[in-house]
């Protein structure tokens, strides 16, 4: 059974306050090379079949808020 990994992130134009907080914490811990941090979500789905239009529909209707978030996905596992 294939799996689909859906990655959801805030749109680049939006302020990511959680990412900013993590970025500052990393700098305070001595990781000065970190320039920017964006926080997102990973959603893993086990599906019977992979159909692009169905995956995109799931993402735009429920898994991501299309007003403020972007999503990408990849198929992994069997039949990938």
PDB file of N, CA and C in Angstrom:
ATOM      1  N   UNK A   1       0.858  -1.181   0.000  1.00  0.00           N
ATOM      2  CA  UNK A   1       0.000   0.000   0.000  1.00  0.00           C
ATOM      3  C   UNK A   1       0.900   1.239   0.000  1.00  0.00           C
ATOM      4  N   UNK A   2       0.701   2.124  -0.953  1.00  0.00           N
ATOM      5  CA  UNK A   2       1.534   3.325  -1.001  1.00  0.00           C
ATOM      6  C   UNK A   2       1.183   4.322   0.105  1.00  0.00           C
ATOM      7  N   UNK A   3       2.147   5.163   0.390  1.00  0.00           N
ATOM      8  CA  UNK A   3       1.953   6.259   1.341  1.00  0.00           C
ATOM      9  C   UNK A   3       2.151   7.569   0.607  1.00  0.00           C
ATOM     10  N   UNK A   4       1.469   8.581   1.088  1.00  0.00           N
ATOM     11  CA  UNK A   4       1.629   9.930   0.552  1.00  0.00           C
ATOM     12  C   UNK A   4       2.053  10.808   1.720  1.00  0.00           C
ATOM     13  N   UNK A   5       3.152  11.518   1.536  1.00  0.00           N
ATOM     14  CA  UNK A   5       3.603  12.487   2.535  1.00  0.00           C
ATOM     15  C   UNK A   5       3.230  13.876   2.041  1.00  0.00           C
ATOM     16  N   UNK A   6       2.401  14.539   2.834  1.00  0.00           N
ATOM     17  CA  UNK A   6       1.946  15.882   2.502  1.00  0.00           C
ATOM     18  C   UNK A   6       2.701  16.857   3.402  1.00  0.00           C
ATOM     19  N   UNK A   7       3.332  17.842   2.783  1.00  0.00           N
ATOM     20  CA  UNK A   7       4.061  18.871   3.510  1.00  0.00           C
ATOM     21  C   UNK A   7       3.270  20.173   3.408  1.00  0.00           C
ATOM     22  N   UNK A   8       2.935  20.740   4.570  1.00  0.00           N
ATOM     23  CA  UNK A   8       2.140  21.962   4.612  1.00  0.00           C
ATOM     24  C   UNK A   8       2.984  23.046   5.283  1.00  0.00           C
ATOM     25  N   UNK A   9       3.075  24.209   4.633  1.00  0.00           N
ATOM     26  CA  UNK A   9       3.860  25.322   5.166  1.00  0.00           C
ATOM     27  C   UNK A   9       3.084  26.621   4.974  1.00  0.00           C
ATOM     28  N   UNK A  10       3.368  27.570   5.856  1.00  0.00           N
ATOM     29  CA  UNK A  10       2.797  28.903   5.663  1.00  0.00           C
ATOM     30  C   UNK A  10       3.328  29.486   4.361  1.00  0.00           C
ATOM     31  N   UNK A  11       2.517  30.273   3.692  1.00  0.00           N
ATOM     32  CA  UNK A  11       2.965  30.937   2.471  1.00  0.00           C
ATOM     33  C   UNK A  11       4.152  31.842   2.812  1.00  0.00           C
ATOM     34  N   UNK A  12       5.099  31.970   1.896  1.00  0.00           N
ATOM     35  CA  UNK A  12       6.311  32.753   2.177  1.00  0.00           C
ATOM     36  C   UNK A  12       6.041  34.198   2.579  1.00  0.00           C
ATOM     37  N   UNK A  13       4.942  34.766   2.130  1.00  0.00           N
ATOM     38  CA  UNK A  13       4.639  36.163   2.445  1.00  0.00           C
ATOM     39  C   UNK A  13       4.136  36.361   3.877  1.00  0.00           C
ATOM     40  N   UNK A  14       3.821  35.273   4.573  1.00  0.00           N
ATOM     41  CA  UNK A  14       3.284  35.376   5.927  1.00  0.00           C
ATOM     42  C   UNK A  14       4.367  35.214   6.981  1.00  0.00           C
ATOM     43  N   UNK A  15       4.234  35.942   8.051  1.00  0.00           N
ATOM     44  CA  UNK A  15       5.160  35.852   9.165  1.00  0.00           C
ATOM     45  C   UNK A  15       4.993  34.512   9.868  1.00  0.00           C
ATOM     46  N   UNK A  16       6.090  33.817  10.075  1.00  0.00           N
ATOM     47  CA  UNK A  16       6.087  32.543  10.791  1.00  0.00           C
ATOM     48  C   UNK A  16       6.667  32.797  12.177  1.00  0.00           C
ATOM     49  N   UNK A  17       5.817  33.128  13.134  1.00  0.00           N
ATOM     50  CA  UNK A  17       6.299  33.488  14.469  1.00  0.00           C
ATOM     51  C   UNK A  17       6.969  32.307  15.170  1.00  0.00           C
ATOM     52  N   UNK A  18       6.462  31.093  14.968  1.00  0.00           N
ATOM     53  CA  UNK A  18       7.101  29.917  15.573  1.00  0.00           C
ATOM     54  C   UNK A  18       8.491  29.713  14.964  1.00  0.00           C
ATOM     55  N   UNK A  19       8.597  29.871  13.657  1.00  0.00           N
ATOM     56  CA  UNK A  19       9.891  29.741  12.997  1.00  0.00           C
ATOM     57  C   UNK A  19      10.875  30.792  13.480  1.00  0.00           C
ATOM     58  N   UNK A  20      10.399  32.010  13.653  1.00  0.00           N
ATOM     59  CA  UNK A  20      11.271  33.081  14.150  1.00  0.00           C
ATOM     60  C   UNK A  20      11.771  32.767  15.553  1.00  0.00           C
ATOM     61  N   UNK A  21      10.888  32.247  16.414  1.00  0.00           N
ATOM     62  CA  UNK A  21      11.275  31.898  17.779  1.00  0.00           C
ATOM     63  C   UNK A  21      12.330  30.794  17.776  1.00  0.00           C
ATOM     64  N   UNK A  22      12.132  29.770  16.958  1.00  0.00           N
ATOM     65  CA  UNK A  22      13.104  28.681  16.871  1.00  0.00           C
ATOM     66  C   UNK A  22      14.426  29.197  16.297  1.00  0.00           C
ATOM     67  N   UNK A  23      14.358  30.048  15.296  1.00  0.00           N
ATOM     68  CA  UNK A  23      15.573  30.627  14.723  1.00  0.00           C
ATOM     69  C   UNK A  23      16.385  31.402  15.743  1.00  0.00           C
ATOM     70  N   UNK A  24      15.715  32.221  16.545  1.00  0.00           N
ATOM     71  CA  UNK A  24      16.404  32.976  17.594  1.00  0.00           C
ATOM     72  C   UNK A  24      17.014  32.043  18.638  1.00  0.00           C
ATOM     73  N   UNK A  25      16.274  30.998  19.001  1.00  0.00           N
ATOM     74  CA  UNK A  25      16.798  30.039  19.979  1.00  0.00           C
ATOM     75  C   UNK A  25      18.041  29.339  19.447  1.00  0.00           C
ATOM     76  N   UNK A  26      18.028  28.972  18.178  1.00  0.00           N
ATOM     77  CA  UNK A  26      19.207  28.334  17.588  1.00  0.00           C
ATOM     78  C   UNK A  26      20.406  29.276  17.596  1.00  0.00           C
ATOM     79  N   UNK A  27      20.179  30.531  17.269  1.00  0.00           N
ATOM     80  CA  UNK A  27      21.272  31.509  17.313  1.00  0.00           C
ATOM     81  C   UNK A  27      21.805  31.665  18.735  1.00  0.00           C
ATOM     82  N   UNK A  28      20.901  31.698  19.722  1.00  0.00           N
ATOM     83  CA  UNK A  28      21.315  31.817  21.125  1.00  0.00           C
ATOM     84  C   UNK A  28      22.110  30.598  21.587  1.00  0.00           C
ATOM     85  N   UNK A  29      21.884  29.474  20.955  1.00  0.00           N
ATOM     86  CA  UNK A  29      22.635  28.255  21.290  1.00  0.00           C
ATOM     87  C   UNK A  29      23.952  28.159  20.518  1.00  0.00           C
ATOM     88  N   UNK A  30      24.251  29.167  19.720  1.00  0.00           N
ATOM     89  CA  UNK A  30      25.524  29.205  19.023  1.00  0.00           C
ATOM     90  C   UNK A  30      25.490  28.768  17.572  1.00  0.00           C
ATOM     91  N   UNK A  31      24.305  28.578  17.015  1.00  0.00           N
ATOM     92  CA  UNK A  31      24.185  28.163  15.617  1.00  0.00           C
ATOM     93  C   UNK A  31      23.958  29.409  14.743  1.00  0.00           C
ATOM     94  N   UNK A  32      25.000  30.218  14.628  1.00  0.00           N
ATOM     95  CA  UNK A  32      24.900  31.493  13.924  1.00  0.00           C
ATOM     96  C   UNK A  32      24.661  31.325  12.430  1.00  0.00           C
ATOM     97  N   UNK A  33      24.949  30.146  11.902  1.00  0.00           N
ATOM     98  CA  UNK A  33      24.777  29.928  10.459  1.00  0.00           C
ATOM     99  C   UNK A  33      23.314  29.845  10.035  1.00  0.00           C
ATOM    100  N   UNK A  34      22.401  29.691  10.985  1.00  0.00           N
ATOM    101  CA  UNK A  34      20.977  29.608  10.656  1.00  0.00           C
ATOM    102  C   UNK A  34      20.465  31.010  10.336  1.00  0.00           C
ATOM    103  N   UNK A  35      19.998  31.194   9.107  1.00  0.00           N
ATOM    104  CA  UNK A  35      19.510  32.504   8.681  1.00  0.00           C
ATOM    105  C   UNK A  35      17.998  32.644   8.823  1.00  0.00           C
ATOM    106  N   UNK A  36      17.260  31.551   8.590  1.00  0.00           N
ATOM    107  CA  UNK A  36      15.802  31.625   8.639  1.00  0.00           C
ATOM    108  C   UNK A  36      15.253  30.242   8.969  1.00  0.00           C
ATOM    109  N   UNK A  37      14.138  30.211   9.656  1.00  0.00           N
ATOM    110  CA  UNK A  37      13.473  28.954   9.993  1.00  0.00           C
ATOM    111  C   UNK A  37      11.998  29.105   9.661  1.00  0.00           C
ATOM    112  N   UNK A  38      11.453  28.113   8.981  1.00  0.00           N
ATOM    113  CA  UNK A  38      10.017  28.052   8.713  1.00  0.00           C
ATOM    114  C   UNK A  38       9.514  26.740   9.301  1.00  0.00           C
ATOM    115  N   UNK A  39       8.431  26.803  10.034  1.00  0.00           N
ATOM    116  CA  UNK A  39       7.838  25.620  10.659  1.00  0.00           C
ATOM    117  C   UNK A  39       6.663  25.166   9.807  1.00  0.00           C
ATOM    118  N   UNK A  40       6.536  23.858   9.627  1.00  0.00           N
ATOM    119  CA  UNK A  40       5.433  23.322   8.842  1.00  0.00           C
ATOM    120  C   UNK A  40       4.896  22.042   9.459  1.00  0.00           C
ATOM    121  N   UNK A  41       4.052  21.371   8.707  1.00  0.00           N
ATOM    122  CA  UNK A  41       3.453  20.109   9.153  1.00  0.00           C
ATOM    123  C   UNK A  41       3.768  19.027   8.134  1.00  0.00           C
ATOM    124  N   UNK A  42       3.924  17.818   8.632  1.00  0.00           N
ATOM    125  CA  UNK A  42       4.053  16.637   7.788  1.00  0.00           C
ATOM    126  C   UNK A  42       2.858  15.748   8.096  1.00  0.00           C
ATOM    127  N   UNK A  43       2.115  15.387   7.072  1.00  0.00           N
ATOM    128  CA  UNK A  43       0.951  14.513   7.215  1.00  0.00           C
ATOM    129  C   UNK A  43       1.193  13.290   6.346  1.00  0.00           C
ATOM    130  N   UNK A  44       1.134  12.098   6.938  1.00  0.00           N
ATOM    131  CA  UNK A  44       1.349  10.865   6.184  1.00  0.00           C
ATOM    132  C   UNK A  44       0.016  10.147   5.994  1.00  0.00           C
ATOM    133  N   UNK A  45      -0.280   9.797   4.765  1.00  0.00           N
ATOM    134  CA  UNK A  45      -1.520   9.107   4.425  1.00  0.00           C
ATOM    135  C   UNK A  45      -1.190   7.741   3.835  1.00  0.00           C
ATOM    136  N   UNK A  46      -1.870   6.709   4.267  1.00  0.00           N
ATOM    137  CA  UNK A  46      -1.829   5.399   3.612  1.00  0.00           C
ATOM    138  C   UNK A  46      -3.038   5.356   2.689  1.00  0.00           C
ATOM    139  N   UNK A  47      -2.809   5.088   1.424  1.00  0.00           N
ATOM    140  CA  UNK A  47      -3.903   5.108   0.460  1.00  0.00           C
ATOM    141  C   UNK A  47      -3.897   3.836  -0.376  1.00  0.00           C
ATOM    142  N   UNK A  48      -5.073   3.463  -0.862  1.00  0.00           N
ATOM    143  CA  UNK A  48      -5.180   2.290  -1.736  1.00  0.00           C
ATOM    144  C   UNK A  48      -4.565   2.577  -3.100  1.00  0.00           C
ATOM    145  N   UNK A  49      -4.897   3.736  -3.640  1.00  0.00           N
ATOM    146  CA  UNK A  49      -4.362   4.149  -4.935  1.00  0.00           C
ATOM    147  C   UNK A  49      -3.974   5.615  -4.851  1.00  0.00           C
ATOM    148  N   UNK A  50      -3.047   5.998  -5.684  1.00  0.00           N
ATOM    149  CA  UNK A  50      -2.603   7.385  -5.718  1.00  0.00           C
ATOM    150  C   UNK A  50      -3.149   8.029  -6.980  1.00  0.00           C
ATOM    151  N   UNK A  51      -4.021   9.001  -6.783  1.00  0.00           N
ATOM    152  CA  UNK A  51      -4.578   9.755  -7.892  1.00  0.00           C
ATOM    153  C   UNK A  51      -4.345  11.225  -7.590  1.00  0.00           C
ATOM    154  N   UNK A  52      -3.571  11.883  -8.440  1.00  0.00           N
ATOM    155  CA  UNK A  52      -3.155  13.259  -8.207  1.00  0.00           C
ATOM    156  C   UNK A  52      -4.317  14.172  -7.839  1.00  0.00           C
ATOM    157  N   UNK A  53      -5.388  14.119  -8.597  1.00  0.00           N
ATOM    158  CA  UNK A  53      -6.513  15.028  -8.344  1.00  0.00           C
ATOM    159  C   UNK A  53      -7.145  14.782  -6.976  1.00  0.00           C
ATOM    160  N   UNK A  54      -7.203  13.526  -6.548  1.00  0.00           N
ATOM    161  CA  UNK A  54      -7.797  13.209  -5.234  1.00  0.00           C
ATOM    162  C   UNK A  54      -6.897  13.699  -4.096  1.00  0.00           C
ATOM    163  N   UNK A  55      -5.596  13.533  -4.250  1.00  0.00           N
ATOM    164  CA  UNK A  55      -4.674  14.000  -3.212  1.00  0.00           C
ATOM    165  C   UNK A  55      -4.749  15.523  -3.109  1.00  0.00           C
ATOM    166  N   UNK A  56      -4.732  16.211  -4.242  1.00  0.00           N
ATOM    167  CA  UNK A  56      -4.823  17.675  -4.234  1.00  0.00           C
ATOM    168  C   UNK A  56      -6.146  18.148  -3.619  1.00  0.00           C
ATOM    169  N   UNK A  57      -7.217  17.422  -3.902  1.00  0.00           N
ATOM    170  CA  UNK A  57      -8.522  17.770  -3.334  1.00  0.00           C
ATOM    171  C   UNK A  57      -8.506  17.631  -1.816  1.00  0.00           C
ATOM    172  N   UNK A  58      -7.935  16.543  -1.310  1.00  0.00           N
ATOM    173  CA  UNK A  58      -7.837  16.351   0.144  1.00  0.00           C
ATOM    174  C   UNK A  58      -7.056  17.490   0.786  1.00  0.00           C
ATOM    175  N   UNK A  59      -5.968  17.853   0.137  1.00  0.00           N
ATOM    176  CA  UNK A  59      -5.119  18.914   0.687  1.00  0.00           C
ATOM    177  C   UNK A  59      -5.844  20.251   0.714  1.00  0.00           C
ATOM    178  N   UNK A  60      -6.468  20.606  -0.391  1.00  0.00           N
ATOM    179  CA  UNK A  60      -7.100  21.926  -0.460  1.00  0.00           C
ATOM    180  C   UNK A  60      -8.394  22.015   0.334  1.00  0.00           C
ATOM    181  N   UNK A  61      -9.064  20.900   0.559  1.00  0.00           N
ATOM    182  CA  UNK A  61     -10.315  20.928   1.325  1.00  0.00           C
ATOM    183  C   UNK A  61     -10.115  20.782   2.830  1.00  0.00           C
ATOM    184  N   UNK A  62      -9.060  20.068   3.255  1.00  0.00           N
ATOM    185  CA  UNK A  62      -8.939  19.782   4.683  1.00  0.00           C
ATOM    186  C   UNK A  62      -7.522  19.922   5.235  1.00  0.00           C
ATOM    187  N   UNK A  63      -6.543  19.370   4.552  1.00  0.00           N
ATOM    188  CA  UNK A  63      -5.216  19.257   5.149  1.00  0.00           C
ATOM    189  C   UNK A  63      -4.441  20.570   5.187  1.00  0.00           C
ATOM    190  N   UNK A  64      -4.716  21.474   4.274  1.00  0.00           N
ATOM    191  CA  UNK A  64      -4.053  22.774   4.247  1.00  0.00           C
ATOM    192  C   UNK A  64      -5.102  23.867   4.073  1.00  0.00           C
ATOM    193  N   UNK A  65      -4.825  25.013   4.651  1.00  0.00           N
ATOM    194  CA  UNK A  65      -5.695  26.168   4.474  1.00  0.00           C
ATOM    195  C   UNK A  65      -5.145  26.953   3.276  1.00  0.00           C
ATOM    196  N   UNK A  66      -5.804  26.881   2.129  1.00  0.00           N
ATOM    197  CA  UNK A  66      -5.244  27.497   0.930  1.00  0.00           C
ATOM    198  C   UNK A  66      -5.090  29.018   1.000  1.00  0.00           C
ATOM    199  N   UNK A  67      -5.717  29.658   1.957  1.00  0.00           N
ATOM    200  CA  UNK A  67      -5.585  31.101   2.102  1.00  0.00           C
ATOM    201  C   UNK A  67      -4.201  31.460   2.654  1.00  0.00           C
ATOM    202  N   UNK A  68      -3.701  30.662   3.597  1.00  0.00           N
ATOM    203  CA  UNK A  68      -2.436  31.000   4.259  1.00  0.00           C
ATOM    204  C   UNK A  68      -1.342  29.950   4.105  1.00  0.00           C
ATOM    205  N   UNK A  69      -1.674  28.786   3.551  1.00  0.00           N
ATOM    206  CA  UNK A  69      -0.687  27.705   3.478  1.00  0.00           C
ATOM    207  C   UNK A  69      -0.515  27.187   2.053  1.00  0.00           C
ATOM    208  N   UNK A  70       0.683  26.705   1.784  1.00  0.00           N
ATOM    209  CA  UNK A  70       0.990  25.988   0.561  1.00  0.00           C
ATOM    210  C   UNK A  70       1.228  24.529   0.933  1.00  0.00           C
ATOM    211  N   UNK A  71       1.059  23.638  -0.036  1.00  0.00           N
ATOM    212  CA  UNK A  71       1.359  22.237   0.232  1.00  0.00           C
ATOM    213  C   UNK A  71       2.065  21.621  -0.963  1.00  0.00           C
ATOM    214  N   UNK A  72       2.838  20.597  -0.652  1.00  0.00           N
ATOM    215  CA  UNK A  72       3.443  19.728  -1.656  1.00  0.00           C
ATOM    216  C   UNK A  72       3.263  18.318  -1.135  1.00  0.00           C
ATOM    217  N   UNK A  73       3.422  17.349  -2.021  1.00  0.00           N
ATOM    218  CA  UNK A  73       3.347  15.976  -1.541  1.00  0.00           C
ATOM    219  C   UNK A  73       4.250  15.088  -2.372  1.00  0.00           C
ATOM    220  N   UNK A  74       4.584  13.937  -1.773  1.00  0.00           N
ATOM    221  CA  UNK A  74       5.370  12.928  -2.468  1.00  0.00           C
ATOM    222  C   UNK A  74       4.796  11.569  -2.151  1.00  0.00           C
ATOM    223  N   UNK A  75       4.889  10.668  -3.114  1.00  0.00           N
ATOM    224  CA  UNK A  75       4.425   9.292  -2.941  1.00  0.00           C
ATOM    225  C   UNK A  75       5.637   8.443  -2.573  1.00  0.00           C
ATOM    226  N   UNK A  76       5.496   7.650  -1.517  1.00  0.00           N
ATOM    227  CA  UNK A  76       6.576   6.781  -1.051  1.00  0.00           C
ATOM    228  C   UNK A  76       6.024   5.381  -0.838  1.00  0.00           C
ATOM    229  N   UNK A  77       6.905   4.435  -0.715  1.00  0.00           N
ATOM    230  CA  UNK A  77       6.463   3.061  -0.458  1.00  0.00           C
ATOM    231  C   UNK A  77       6.105   2.342  -1.726  1.00  0.00           C
ATOM    232  N   UNK A  78       5.312   1.303  -1.595  1.00  0.00           N
ATOM    233  CA  UNK A  78       4.904   0.479  -2.725  1.00  0.00           C
ATOM    234  C   UNK A  78       4.221   1.322  -3.789  1.00  0.00           C
ATOM    235  N   UNK A  79       4.465   1.006  -5.021  1.00  0.00           N
ATOM    236  CA  UNK A  79       3.860   1.677  -6.165  1.00  0.00           C
ATOM    237  C   UNK A  79       4.205   3.150  -6.247  1.00  0.00           C
ATOM    238  N   UNK A  80       5.315   3.550  -5.628  1.00  0.00           N
ATOM    239  CA  UNK A  80       5.713   4.958  -5.663  1.00  0.00           C
ATOM    240  C   UNK A  80       6.306   5.298  -7.017  1.00  0.00           C
TER     241      UNK A  80
END
